[in-house]
Amino acid sequence: MHYTYQPKGVCSMQIDFEINGGIVSDVKFVGGCNGNLKAIGRLVEGKNALEIADVLEGNTCNSRSTSCADQLSKALREAAAKEAV
């Protein structure tokens, strides 16, 4: 299932990814720190969505209370819940 998420409070404007059977693939961020966000996409490829969310949740960026990684954790939890329905 393709999933698109609109992050809040960060530089990236959109997160797109595939989730099938709880496994994440093809993570792409629109905007944000290009190199770092490409690396996150590679690191999470083929991994379980909820395990990724557990690791990334609560990560902050500078003085913000969230980060692109934290927003990805929210997107993954939301997508996993929808996939389970």
Protein backbone atom coordinates (compact mmCIF):
# COMPACT_ATOMS: atom_id res chain seq x y z
CA MET A 1 0.00 0.00 0.00
CA HIS A 2 1.36 3.42 -0.92
CA TYR A 3 1.17 5.96 1.89
CA THR A 4 1.67 9.74 1.87
CA TYR A 5 2.06 11.71 5.10
CA GLN A 6 2.17 15.47 5.64
CA PRO A 7 4.68 16.09 8.46
CA LYS A 8 4.21 18.92 10.94
CA GLY A 9 6.82 21.18 12.51
CA VAL A 10 9.75 20.13 10.30
CA CYS A 11 11.46 21.20 7.08
CA SER A 12 10.26 18.26 4.99
CA MET A 13 6.87 18.81 3.38
CA GLN A 14 5.87 15.23 2.60
CA ILE A 15 6.85 11.64 3.32
CA ASP A 16 5.97 8.89 0.83
CA PHE A 17 6.53 5.18 1.37
CA GLU A 18 5.19 1.70 0.72
CA ILE A 19 4.01 -0.58 3.53
CA ASN A 20 3.06 -4.19 2.89
CA GLY A 21 2.52 -6.70 5.66
CA GLY A 22 4.05 -4.21 8.09
CA ILE A 23 7.28 -4.00 6.07
CA VAL A 24 8.46 -0.59 4.86
CA SER A 25 10.01 0.20 1.50
CA ASP A 26 10.70 3.06 -0.88
CA VAL A 27 10.78 5.87 1.73
CA LYS A 28 11.08 9.31 0.13
CA PHE A 29 11.03 12.70 1.82
CA VAL A 30 10.12 15.90 -0.06
CA GLY A 31 12.18 18.78 1.29
CA GLY A 32 14.35 18.70 4.39
CA CYS A 33 18.00 17.66 4.71
CA ASN A 34 18.40 15.68 1.52
CA GLY A 35 21.42 13.53 2.42
CA ASN A 36 20.26 12.67 5.92
CA LEU A 37 16.75 11.82 4.78
CA LYS A 38 18.00 9.61 1.94
CA ALA A 39 20.09 7.78 4.54
CA ILE A 40 17.06 7.23 6.78
CA GLY A 41 15.19 5.80 3.80
CA ARG A 42 18.00 3.33 3.14
CA LEU A 43 18.33 2.35 6.79
CA VAL A 44 14.64 1.49 7.19
CA GLU A 45 14.23 -0.35 3.86
CA GLY A 46 12.75 -3.81 4.38
CA LYS A 47 12.24 -3.39 8.12
CA ASN A 48 9.14 -3.68 10.29
CA ALA A 49 7.21 -0.40 10.50
CA LEU A 50 6.49 -0.54 14.24
CA GLU A 51 10.07 -1.47 15.11
CA ILE A 52 11.30 1.50 13.06
CA ALA A 53 8.74 3.77 14.77
CA ASP A 54 9.95 2.63 18.21
CA VAL A 55 13.53 3.59 17.34
CA LEU A 56 12.77 6.96 15.69
CA GLU A 57 10.00 8.20 18.00
CA GLY A 58 10.94 11.21 20.12
CA ASN A 59 13.99 12.22 18.07
CA THR A 60 14.26 16.03 17.98
CA CYS A 61 15.91 18.53 15.64
CA ASN A 62 17.60 21.57 17.15
CA SER A 63 15.08 23.36 19.41
CA ARG A 64 12.05 21.69 17.81
CA SER A 65 10.08 19.11 19.76
CA THR A 66 10.06 16.83 16.68
CA SER A 67 12.20 15.93 13.67
CA CYS A 68 11.77 14.36 10.25
CA ALA A 69 12.64 10.99 11.82
CA ASP A 70 10.04 11.51 14.57
CA GLN A 71 7.48 12.48 11.93
CA LEU A 72 8.32 9.30 10.00
CA SER A 73 7.59 7.32 13.18
CA LYS A 74 4.14 8.95 13.35
CA ALA A 75 3.52 8.22 9.67
CA LEU A 76 4.54 4.58 10.09
CA ARG A 77 2.26 4.06 13.09
CA GLU A 78 -0.65 5.67 11.22
CA ALA A 79 -0.04 3.58 8.09
CA ALA A 80 0.37 0.35 10.08
CA ALA A 81 -2.94 0.98 11.83
CA LYS A 82 -4.71 1.60 8.52
CA GLU A 83 -3.12 -1.47 6.98
CA ALA A 84 -4.36 -3.61 9.89
CA VAL A 85 -8.02 -2.60 9.32
